[in-house]
Amino acid sequence: MRLLPSRLWPLLCLGVVPMCLAQTSAPPLRVLAAGSLRAALTDSAAAFEALQPGVKLALTFGASGLLKDRIVGGEATDVFASANMNHPEALAAAGKAAPVQRFARNAMCALLRPGLEVTPETLVRTMLDPAIKLGVSTPRADPAGDYAVQVFDRIEQAGSAGAAAALKAKARQLSGGPNSPPPPPDRNVYGVLVAQGAADLFLTYCTNALLATREQPGQRSVVVPEAINVSASYGVTVINGAPPAARQFVDFLLAPEGQAVLARHGFAPR
């Protein structure tokens, strides 16, 4: 078979040989994101790709603190969407990323096993009950665990003496840690943990609790009372050296179209 002269390859890549187009297409935009964003960002990515022909996103989800450590350790990525502001701000302060922007808010809810009767008024008493297995995510590795600790502190500040220490001591750190079992690929991990009996009550994001109740018959969620709840701020940043599409995706998340997708999944406006 006779090879074509090299000077003819540019002409072929103008459209005669489709294979050339594949060879020159841009690599996927790499996005590391908090696990609680899995459903929302999957839909956001699809909507963004529909608006940007030729742009594809490669999404990786996990505990925000662990993802931040991976970026610090040299893992290549383009966008980091965290369940708090602290982790992306640490990257920006280290000169690795652009200024951080808040793009969504969340709150804390209690996910309940079937048959456990709890109301917002009885939630604190139930969590303090020695017979109740209380589940949380791993603090410092997963912001959901940090927010749970803040709820414990607010319970004590609201007048329950000794509650913070008691709740921190009994809480089972079941997810989001470096040694936690990997979450199931097709199920909400919090619903699975409650269904398996690892926790009677799991303190997590309201968006997580909503997904779990849709997947697990009999499970319910109760919103943590406003007086002791926390506002979870989600921050996003573009990593230095990312292509222009990274900034465009962040702009999409901040725009009305992106905010509408997040709202459909239970996130509050930024």
C-alpha atoms as a PDB file:
ATOM      1  CA  MET A   1       0.000   0.000   0.000  1.00  0.00           C
ATOM      2  CA  ARG A   2       1.443   3.349  -1.074  1.00  0.00           C
ATOM      3  CA  LEU A   3       1.600   6.020   1.642  1.00  0.00           C
ATOM      4  CA  LEU A   4       0.414   9.545   0.903  1.00  0.00           C
ATOM      5  CA  PRO A   5       2.999  12.329   0.997  1.00  0.00           C
ATOM      6  CA  SER A   6       2.950  14.164   4.338  1.00  0.00           C
ATOM      7  CA  ARG A   7       2.032  17.461   2.615  1.00  0.00           C
ATOM      8  CA  LEU A   8      -1.399  15.989   1.751  1.00  0.00           C
ATOM      9  CA  TRP A   9      -2.422  15.136   5.340  1.00  0.00           C
ATOM     10  CA  PRO A  10      -3.680  18.662   6.199  1.00  0.00           C
ATOM     11  CA  LEU A  11      -5.996  18.550   3.171  1.00  0.00           C
ATOM     12  CA  LEU A  12      -7.398  15.185   4.210  1.00  0.00           C
ATOM     13  CA  CYS A  13      -8.032  16.394   7.737  1.00  0.00           C
ATOM     14  CA  LEU A  14     -10.257  19.159   6.400  1.00  0.00           C
ATOM     15  CA  GLY A  15     -13.013  16.612   6.014  1.00  0.00           C
ATOM     16  CA  VAL A  16     -12.076  13.832   3.617  1.00  0.00           C
ATOM     17  CA  VAL A  17     -10.897  11.468   6.345  1.00  0.00           C
ATOM     18  CA  PRO A  18     -13.168  11.496   9.435  1.00  0.00           C
ATOM     19  CA  MET A  19     -10.502   9.735  11.464  1.00  0.00           C
ATOM     20  CA  CYS A  20      -8.421  12.930  11.443  1.00  0.00           C
ATOM     21  CA  LEU A  21     -11.213  14.810  13.145  1.00  0.00           C
ATOM     22  CA  ALA A  22     -11.211  12.333  15.998  1.00  0.00           C
ATOM     23  CA  GLN A  23      -7.457  12.702  16.331  1.00  0.00           C
ATOM     24  CA  THR A  24      -7.673  16.482  16.673  1.00  0.00           C
ATOM     25  CA  SER A  25     -10.780  16.766  18.906  1.00  0.00           C
ATOM     26  CA  ALA A  26     -10.326  18.407  22.301  1.00  0.00           C
ATOM     27  CA  PRO A  27      -9.903  16.137  25.332  1.00  0.00           C
ATOM     28  CA  PRO A  28     -12.788  15.972  27.820  1.00  0.00           C
ATOM     29  CA  LEU A  29     -13.122  18.728  30.385  1.00  0.00           C
ATOM     30  CA  ARG A  30     -12.131  17.179  33.715  1.00  0.00           C
ATOM     31  CA  VAL A  31     -14.427  18.026  36.641  1.00  0.00           C
ATOM     32  CA  LEU A  32     -13.881  16.851  40.220  1.00  0.00           C
ATOM     33  CA  ALA A  33     -17.028  17.386  42.286  1.00  0.00           C
ATOM     34  CA  ALA A  34     -18.578  16.644  45.659  1.00  0.00           C
ATOM     35  CA  GLY A  35     -20.492  13.376  45.799  1.00  0.00           C
ATOM     36  CA  SER A  36     -23.672  15.203  46.796  1.00  0.00           C
ATOM     37  CA  LEU A  37     -23.580  16.883  43.370  1.00  0.00           C
ATOM     38  CA  ARG A  38     -23.634  13.631  41.388  1.00  0.00           C
ATOM     39  CA  ALA A  39     -27.213  13.827  40.103  1.00  0.00           C
ATOM     40  CA  ALA A  40     -27.291  17.606  39.691  1.00  0.00           C
ATOM     41  CA  LEU A  41     -23.953  17.932  37.892  1.00  0.00           C
ATOM     42  CA  THR A  42     -24.660  14.948  35.672  1.00  0.00           C
ATOM     43  CA  ASP A  43     -27.720  16.802  34.396  1.00  0.00           C
ATOM     44  CA  SER A  44     -25.809  20.095  34.309  1.00  0.00           C
ATOM     45  CA  ALA A  45     -23.074  18.530  32.208  1.00  0.00           C
ATOM     46  CA  ALA A  46     -25.607  17.163  29.728  1.00  0.00           C
ATOM     47  CA  ALA A  47     -27.266  20.576  29.411  1.00  0.00           C
ATOM     48  CA  PHE A  48     -23.905  22.310  28.964  1.00  0.00           C
ATOM     49  CA  GLU A  49     -22.736  19.815  26.328  1.00  0.00           C
ATOM     50  CA  ALA A  50     -25.947  20.431  24.394  1.00  0.00           C
ATOM     51  CA  LEU A  51     -25.089  24.138  24.282  1.00  0.00           C
ATOM     52  CA  GLN A  52     -21.421  23.559  23.428  1.00  0.00           C
ATOM     53  CA  PRO A  53     -21.102  21.073  20.542  1.00  0.00           C
ATOM     54  CA  GLY A  54     -17.779  19.302  20.638  1.00  0.00           C
ATOM     55  CA  VAL A  55     -17.240  19.814  24.375  1.00  0.00           C
ATOM     56  CA  LYS A  56     -17.426  16.733  26.600  1.00  0.00           C
ATOM     57  CA  LEU A  57     -17.158  16.609  30.371  1.00  0.00           C
ATOM     58  CA  ALA A  58     -15.529  13.839  32.395  1.00  0.00           C
ATOM     59  CA  LEU A  59     -17.062  13.912  35.887  1.00  0.00           C
ATOM     60  CA  THR A  60     -15.453  12.386  38.973  1.00  0.00           C
ATOM     61  CA  PHE A  61     -17.287  12.486  42.318  1.00  0.00           C
ATOM     62  CA  GLY A  62     -16.076  12.024  45.860  1.00  0.00           C
ATOM     63  CA  ALA A  63     -15.614  13.626  49.272  1.00  0.00           C
ATOM     64  CA  SER A  64     -14.540  17.233  48.707  1.00  0.00           C
ATOM     65  CA  GLY A  65     -11.642  17.118  51.143  1.00  0.00           C
ATOM     66  CA  LEU A  66     -10.199  14.009  49.547  1.00  0.00           C
ATOM     67  CA  LEU A  67     -10.614  15.506  46.078  1.00  0.00           C
ATOM     68  CA  LYS A  68      -8.796  18.654  47.193  1.00  0.00           C
ATOM     69  CA  ASP A  69      -5.924  16.511  48.460  1.00  0.00           C
ATOM     70  CA  ARG A  70      -5.754  14.749  45.100  1.00  0.00           C
ATOM     71  CA  ILE A  71      -5.444  18.087  43.292  1.00  0.00           C
ATOM     72  CA  VAL A  72      -2.757  19.240  45.738  1.00  0.00           C
ATOM     73  CA  GLY A  73      -0.988  15.942  45.078  1.00  0.00           C
ATOM     74  CA  GLY A  74      -0.810  16.695  41.366  1.00  0.00           C
ATOM     75  CA  GLU A  75      -3.903  15.072  39.859  1.00  0.00           C
ATOM     76  CA  ALA A  76      -4.786  16.926  36.681  1.00  0.00           C
ATOM     77  CA  THR A  77      -8.221  18.522  36.573  1.00  0.00           C
ATOM     78  CA  ASP A  78      -9.908  21.596  35.149  1.00  0.00           C
ATOM     79  CA  VAL A  79     -12.818  22.406  37.489  1.00  0.00           C
ATOM     80  CA  PHE A  80     -13.295  21.673  41.195  1.00  0.00           C
ATOM     81  CA  ALA A  81     -16.824  21.900  42.650  1.00  0.00           C
ATOM     82  CA  SER A  82     -16.787  21.484  46.419  1.00  0.00           C
ATOM     83  CA  ALA A  83     -19.479  21.094  49.082  1.00  0.00           C
ATOM     84  CA  ASN A  84     -17.829  23.898  51.026  1.00  0.00           C
ATOM     85  CA  MET A  85     -15.851  27.041  50.304  1.00  0.00           C
ATOM     86  CA  ASN A  86     -12.775  26.149  52.347  1.00  0.00           C
ATOM     87  CA  HIS A  87     -11.320  23.440  50.128  1.00  0.00           C
ATOM     88  CA  PRO A  88     -11.362  25.360  46.818  1.00  0.00           C
ATOM     89  CA  GLU A  89     -10.258  28.515  48.633  1.00  0.00           C
ATOM     90  CA  ALA A  90      -7.218  26.615  49.891  1.00  0.00           C
ATOM     91  CA  LEU A  91      -6.302  25.846  46.272  1.00  0.00           C
ATOM     92  CA  ALA A  92      -6.778  29.480  45.276  1.00  0.00           C
ATOM     93  CA  ALA A  93      -4.650  30.658  48.208  1.00  0.00           C
ATOM     94  CA  ALA A  94      -1.905  28.272  47.134  1.00  0.00           C
ATOM     95  CA  GLY A  95      -1.902  29.774  43.632  1.00  0.00           C
ATOM     96  CA  LYS A  96      -3.371  26.665  42.015  1.00  0.00           C
ATOM     97  CA  ALA A  97      -6.816  27.988  41.088  1.00  0.00           C
ATOM     98  CA  ALA A  98      -8.889  31.038  40.270  1.00  0.00           C
ATOM     99  CA  PRO A  99     -10.969  32.882  42.886  1.00  0.00           C
ATOM    100  CA  VAL A 100     -13.775  30.744  44.264  1.00  0.00           C
ATOM    101  CA  GLN A 101     -17.444  31.442  43.568  1.00  0.00           C
ATOM    102  CA  ARG A 102     -20.404  30.120  45.532  1.00  0.00           C
ATOM    103  CA  PHE A 103     -22.822  28.427  43.157  1.00  0.00           C
ATOM    104  CA  ALA A 104     -25.295  26.586  45.420  1.00  0.00           C
ATOM    105  CA  ARG A 105     -26.484  26.120  48.986  1.00  0.00           C
ATOM    106  CA  ASN A 106     -27.666  23.097  50.921  1.00  0.00           C
ATOM    107  CA  ALA A 107     -28.981  22.363  54.409  1.00  0.00           C
ATOM    108  CA  MET A 108     -28.932  19.425  56.813  1.00  0.00           C
ATOM    109  CA  CYS A 109     -31.640  16.805  57.206  1.00  0.00           C
ATOM    110  CA  ALA A 110     -31.997  13.593  59.189  1.00  0.00           C
ATOM    111  CA  LEU A 111     -32.503  10.457  57.100  1.00  0.00           C
ATOM    112  CA  LEU A 112     -34.536   7.933  59.123  1.00  0.00           C
ATOM    113  CA  ARG A 113     -34.831   4.166  58.987  1.00  0.00           C
ATOM    114  CA  PRO A 114     -38.327   2.766  58.382  1.00  0.00           C
ATOM    115  CA  GLY A 115     -40.431   2.784  61.527  1.00  0.00           C
ATOM    116  CA  LEU A 116     -38.415   5.441  63.367  1.00  0.00           C
ATOM    117  CA  GLU A 117     -40.898   8.152  64.284  1.00  0.00           C
ATOM    118  CA  VAL A 118     -39.154  11.510  64.524  1.00  0.00           C
ATOM    119  CA  THR A 119     -40.383  15.089  64.160  1.00  0.00           C
ATOM    120  CA  PRO A 120     -38.332  18.290  64.087  1.00  0.00           C
ATOM    121  CA  GLU A 121     -39.360  18.792  67.730  1.00  0.00           C
ATOM    122  CA  THR A 122     -38.112  15.352  68.838  1.00  0.00           C
ATOM    123  CA  LEU A 123     -35.028  15.185  66.601  1.00  0.00           C
ATOM    124  CA  VAL A 124     -32.451  16.267  69.186  1.00  0.00           C
ATOM    125  CA  ARG A 125     -33.845  13.907  71.830  1.00  0.00           C
ATOM    126  CA  THR A 126     -33.753  11.062  69.332  1.00  0.00           C
ATOM    127  CA  MET A 127     -30.153  11.756  68.310  1.00  0.00           C
ATOM    128  CA  LEU A 128     -29.111  11.792  71.984  1.00  0.00           C
ATOM    129  CA  ASP A 129     -30.887   8.497  72.719  1.00  0.00           C
ATOM    130  CA  PRO A 130     -28.135   5.932  73.484  1.00  0.00           C
ATOM    131  CA  ALA A 131     -30.146   3.247  71.681  1.00  0.00           C
ATOM    132  CA  ILE A 132     -30.144   5.177  68.388  1.00  0.00           C
ATOM    133  CA  LYS A 133     -27.298   4.588  65.941  1.00  0.00           C
ATOM    134  CA  LEU A 134     -26.339   8.029  64.619  1.00  0.00           C
ATOM    135  CA  GLY A 135     -24.481   8.168  61.302  1.00  0.00           C
ATOM    136  CA  VAL A 136     -22.468  11.046  59.861  1.00  0.00           C
ATOM    137  CA  SER A 137     -19.878  11.576  57.149  1.00  0.00           C
ATOM    138  CA  THR A 138     -16.201  11.855  58.074  1.00  0.00           C
ATOM    139  CA  PRO A 139     -15.266  15.365  59.270  1.00  0.00           C
ATOM    140  CA  ARG A 140     -12.364  17.130  57.520  1.00  0.00           C
ATOM    141  CA  ALA A 141     -12.503  14.666  54.626  1.00  0.00           C
ATOM    142  CA  ASP A 142     -16.174  15.268  53.787  1.00  0.00           C
ATOM    143  CA  PRO A 143     -17.775  18.676  54.474  1.00  0.00           C
ATOM    144  CA  ALA A 144     -21.061  16.940  55.361  1.00  0.00           C
ATOM    145  CA  GLY A 145     -19.282  15.620  58.445  1.00  0.00           C
ATOM    146  CA  ASP A 146     -18.050  19.099  59.332  1.00  0.00           C
ATOM    147  CA  TYR A 147     -21.558  20.490  58.981  1.00  0.00           C
ATOM    148  CA  ALA A 148     -22.892  17.705  61.242  1.00  0.00           C
ATOM    149  CA  VAL A 149     -20.388  18.713  63.917  1.00  0.00           C
ATOM    150  CA  GLN A 150     -21.582  22.310  63.588  1.00  0.00           C
ATOM    151  CA  VAL A 151     -25.146  21.107  64.183  1.00  0.00           C
ATOM    152  CA  PHE A 152     -23.977  19.316  67.349  1.00  0.00           C
ATOM    153  CA  ASP A 153     -22.345  22.522  68.581  1.00  0.00           C
ATOM    154  CA  ARG A 154     -25.485  24.537  67.858  1.00  0.00           C
ATOM    155  CA  ILE A 155     -27.604  22.047  69.798  1.00  0.00           C
ATOM    156  CA  GLU A 156     -25.471  22.725  72.864  1.00  0.00           C
ATOM    157  CA  GLN A 157     -25.515  26.471  72.267  1.00  0.00           C
ATOM    158  CA  ALA A 158     -29.313  26.291  72.123  1.00  0.00           C
ATOM    159  CA  GLY A 159     -29.379  25.042  75.709  1.00  0.00           C
ATOM    160  CA  SER A 160     -28.657  21.293  75.742  1.00  0.00           C
ATOM    161  CA  ALA A 161     -25.690  21.151  78.096  1.00  0.00           C
ATOM    162  CA  GLY A 162     -23.182  18.430  77.191  1.00  0.00           C
ATOM    163  CA  ALA A 163     -24.976  17.581  73.943  1.00  0.00           C
ATOM    164  CA  ALA A 164     -22.087  18.456  71.622  1.00  0.00           C
ATOM    165  CA  ALA A 165     -19.610  16.125  73.314  1.00  0.00           C
ATOM    166  CA  ALA A 166     -22.180  13.344  73.617  1.00  0.00           C
ATOM    167  CA  LEU A 167     -23.171  13.514  69.950  1.00  0.00           C
ATOM    168  CA  LYS A 168     -19.572  13.727  68.710  1.00  0.00           C
ATOM    169  CA  ALA A 169     -18.704  10.684  70.810  1.00  0.00           C
ATOM    170  CA  LYS A 170     -21.573   8.513  69.603  1.00  0.00           C
ATOM    171  CA  ALA A 171     -21.686   9.579  65.927  1.00  0.00           C
ATOM    172  CA  ARG A 172     -20.523   6.843  63.549  1.00  0.00           C
ATOM    173  CA  GLN A 173     -18.349   8.174  60.736  1.00  0.00           C
ATOM    174  CA  LEU A 174     -19.678   5.931  57.986  1.00  0.00           C
ATOM    175  CA  SER A 175     -18.898   7.669  54.694  1.00  0.00           C
ATOM    176  CA  GLY A 176     -16.598  10.098  52.935  1.00  0.00           C
ATOM    177  CA  GLY A 177     -13.402   9.126  54.742  1.00  0.00           C
ATOM    178  CA  PRO A 178     -10.139   7.819  53.264  1.00  0.00           C
ATOM    179  CA  ASN A 179     -10.916   4.339  54.610  1.00  0.00           C
ATOM    180  CA  SER A 180     -14.668   4.343  54.008  1.00  0.00           C
ATOM    181  CA  PRO A 181     -16.015   1.640  51.671  1.00  0.00           C
ATOM    182  CA  PRO A 182     -16.536   3.012  48.147  1.00  0.00           C
ATOM    183  CA  PRO A 183     -20.098   4.193  47.575  1.00  0.00           C
ATOM    184  CA  PRO A 184     -22.275   2.058  45.312  1.00  0.00           C
ATOM    185  CA  PRO A 185     -22.163   3.342  41.729  1.00  0.00           C
ATOM    186  CA  ASP A 186     -25.921   3.290  41.203  1.00  0.00           C
ATOM    187  CA  ARG A 187     -27.422   3.978  44.643  1.00  0.00           C
ATOM    188  CA  ASN A 188     -27.422   6.759  47.225  1.00  0.00           C
ATOM    189  CA  VAL A 189     -24.826   5.678  49.797  1.00  0.00           C
ATOM    190  CA  TYR A 190     -26.746   7.129  52.763  1.00  0.00           C
ATOM    191  CA  GLY A 191     -29.902   5.239  51.930  1.00  0.00           C
ATOM    192  CA  VAL A 192     -27.882   2.045  51.531  1.00  0.00           C
ATOM    193  CA  LEU A 193     -26.157   2.505  54.901  1.00  0.00           C
ATOM    194  CA  VAL A 194     -29.473   3.059  56.662  1.00  0.00           C
ATOM    195  CA  ALA A 195     -31.034   0.093  54.842  1.00  0.00           C
ATOM    196  CA  GLN A 196     -28.119  -2.094  55.944  1.00  0.00           C
ATOM    197  CA  GLY A 197     -28.635  -1.087  59.568  1.00  0.00           C
ATOM    198  CA  ALA A 198     -25.378   0.842  59.961  1.00  0.00           C
ATOM    199  CA  ALA A 199     -27.395   3.835  61.171  1.00  0.00           C
ATOM    200  CA  ASP A 200     -30.935   4.429  62.411  1.00  0.00           C
ATOM    201  CA  LEU A 201     -30.585   8.131  61.703  1.00  0.00           C
ATOM    202  CA  PHE A 202     -28.073   9.653  59.287  1.00  0.00           C
ATOM    203  CA  LEU A 203     -27.384  13.381  59.488  1.00  0.00           C
ATOM    204  CA  THR A 204     -26.633  14.513  55.934  1.00  0.00           C
ATOM    205  CA  TYR A 205     -27.539  17.054  53.280  1.00  0.00           C
ATOM    206  CA  CYS A 206     -31.219  17.463  52.530  1.00  0.00           C
ATOM    207  CA  THR A 207     -30.500  16.739  48.857  1.00  0.00           C
ATOM    208  CA  ASN A 208     -28.909  13.401  49.842  1.00  0.00           C
ATOM    209  CA  ALA A 209     -31.838  12.530  52.093  1.00  0.00           C
ATOM    210  CA  LEU A 210     -34.285  13.336  49.290  1.00  0.00           C
ATOM    211  CA  LEU A 211     -32.523  10.953  46.891  1.00  0.00           C
ATOM    212  CA  ALA A 212     -32.358   8.227  49.526  1.00  0.00           C
ATOM    213  CA  THR A 213     -36.082   8.379  50.261  1.00  0.00           C
ATOM    214  CA  ARG A 214     -36.799   8.026  46.553  1.00  0.00           C
ATOM    215  CA  GLU A 215     -34.673   4.883  46.339  1.00  0.00           C
ATOM    216  CA  GLN A 216     -35.395   3.183  49.677  1.00  0.00           C
ATOM    217  CA  PRO A 217     -39.023   2.324  50.506  1.00  0.00           C
ATOM    218  CA  GLY A 218     -39.996   3.341  54.020  1.00  0.00           C
ATOM    219  CA  GLN A 219     -37.126   5.723  54.675  1.00  0.00           C
ATOM    220  CA  ARG A 220     -38.079   9.291  55.581  1.00  0.00           C
ATOM    221  CA  SER A 221     -36.284  12.573  56.110  1.00  0.00           C
ATOM    222  CA  VAL A 222     -36.794  15.353  58.612  1.00  0.00           C
ATOM    223  CA  VAL A 223     -35.361  18.828  58.183  1.00  0.00           C
ATOM    224  CA  VAL A 224     -33.097  19.924  61.014  1.00  0.00           C
ATOM    225  CA  PRO A 225     -34.814  22.852  62.800  1.00  0.00           C
ATOM    226  CA  GLU A 226     -33.653  26.224  61.534  1.00  0.00           C
ATOM    227  CA  ALA A 227     -32.321  27.298  64.941  1.00  0.00           C
ATOM    228  CA  ILE A 228     -29.676  24.541  64.887  1.00  0.00           C
ATOM    229  CA  ASN A 229     -29.282  23.988  61.141  1.00  0.00           C
ATOM    230  CA  VAL A 230     -26.381  25.237  59.030  1.00  0.00           C
ATOM    231  CA  SER A 231     -26.206  26.693  55.528  1.00  0.00           C
ATOM    232  CA  ALA A 232     -23.822  24.620  53.438  1.00  0.00           C
ATOM    233  CA  SER A 233     -22.182  26.813  50.806  1.00  0.00           C
ATOM    234  CA  TYR A 234     -20.871  25.088  47.666  1.00  0.00           C
ATOM    235  CA  GLY A 235     -17.854  26.665  45.959  1.00  0.00           C
ATOM    236  CA  VAL A 236     -16.475  26.162  42.457  1.00  0.00           C
ATOM    237  CA  THR A 237     -13.150  27.163  40.941  1.00  0.00           C
ATOM    238  CA  VAL A 238     -11.209  26.797  37.700  1.00  0.00           C
ATOM    239  CA  ILE A 239      -7.810  25.170  38.078  1.00  0.00           C
ATOM    240  CA  ASN A 240      -4.847  27.041  36.598  1.00  0.00           C
ATOM    241  CA  GLY A 241      -4.051  25.960  33.048  1.00  0.00           C
ATOM    242  CA  ALA A 242      -7.584  24.764  32.295  1.00  0.00           C
ATOM    243  CA  PRO A 243      -8.980  25.375  28.787  1.00  0.00           C
ATOM    244  CA  PRO A 244     -11.530  28.161  28.161  1.00  0.00           C
ATOM    245  CA  ALA A 245     -14.388  25.635  28.324  1.00  0.00           C
ATOM    246  CA  ALA A 246     -13.740  25.279  32.066  1.00  0.00           C
ATOM    247  CA  ARG A 247     -14.620  28.927  32.664  1.00  0.00           C
ATOM    248  CA  GLN A 248     -17.619  28.550  30.379  1.00  0.00           C
ATOM    249  CA  PHE A 249     -18.910  25.605  32.410  1.00  0.00           C
ATOM    250  CA  VAL A 250     -18.554  27.542  35.666  1.00  0.00           C
ATOM    251  CA  ASP A 251     -20.393  30.475  34.072  1.00  0.00           C
ATOM    252  CA  PHE A 252     -23.153  28.065  33.068  1.00  0.00           C
ATOM    253  CA  LEU A 253     -23.527  26.833  36.671  1.00  0.00           C
ATOM    254  CA  LEU A 254     -23.850  30.440  37.848  1.00  0.00           C
ATOM    255  CA  ALA A 255     -26.299  31.438  35.097  1.00  0.00           C
ATOM    256  CA  PRO A 256     -30.102  31.030  35.373  1.00  0.00           C
ATOM    257  CA  GLU A 257     -30.033  27.869  33.237  1.00  0.00           C
ATOM    258  CA  GLY A 258     -27.522  26.152  35.508  1.00  0.00           C
ATOM    259  CA  GLN A 259     -29.216  27.393  38.673  1.00  0.00           C
ATOM    260  CA  ALA A 260     -32.488  25.917  37.421  1.00  0.00           C
ATOM    261  CA  VAL A 261     -30.890  22.480  37.067  1.00  0.00           C
ATOM    262  CA  LEU A 262     -29.500  22.676  40.600  1.00  0.00           C
ATOM    263  CA  ALA A 263     -32.881  23.809  41.947  1.00  0.00           C
ATOM    264  CA  ARG A 264     -34.571  20.773  40.417  1.00  0.00           C
ATOM    265  CA  HIS A 265     -32.285  18.624  42.537  1.00  0.00           C
ATOM    266  CA  GLY A 266     -33.098  20.457  45.755  1.00  0.00           C
ATOM    267  CA  PHE A 267     -30.237  22.957  45.964  1.00  0.00           C
ATOM    268  CA  ALA A 268     -30.967  26.480  47.136  1.00  0.00           C
ATOM    269  CA  PRO A 269     -29.891  29.491  45.054  1.00  0.00           C
ATOM    270  CA  ARG A 270     -26.374  30.695  45.478  1.00  0.00           C
END
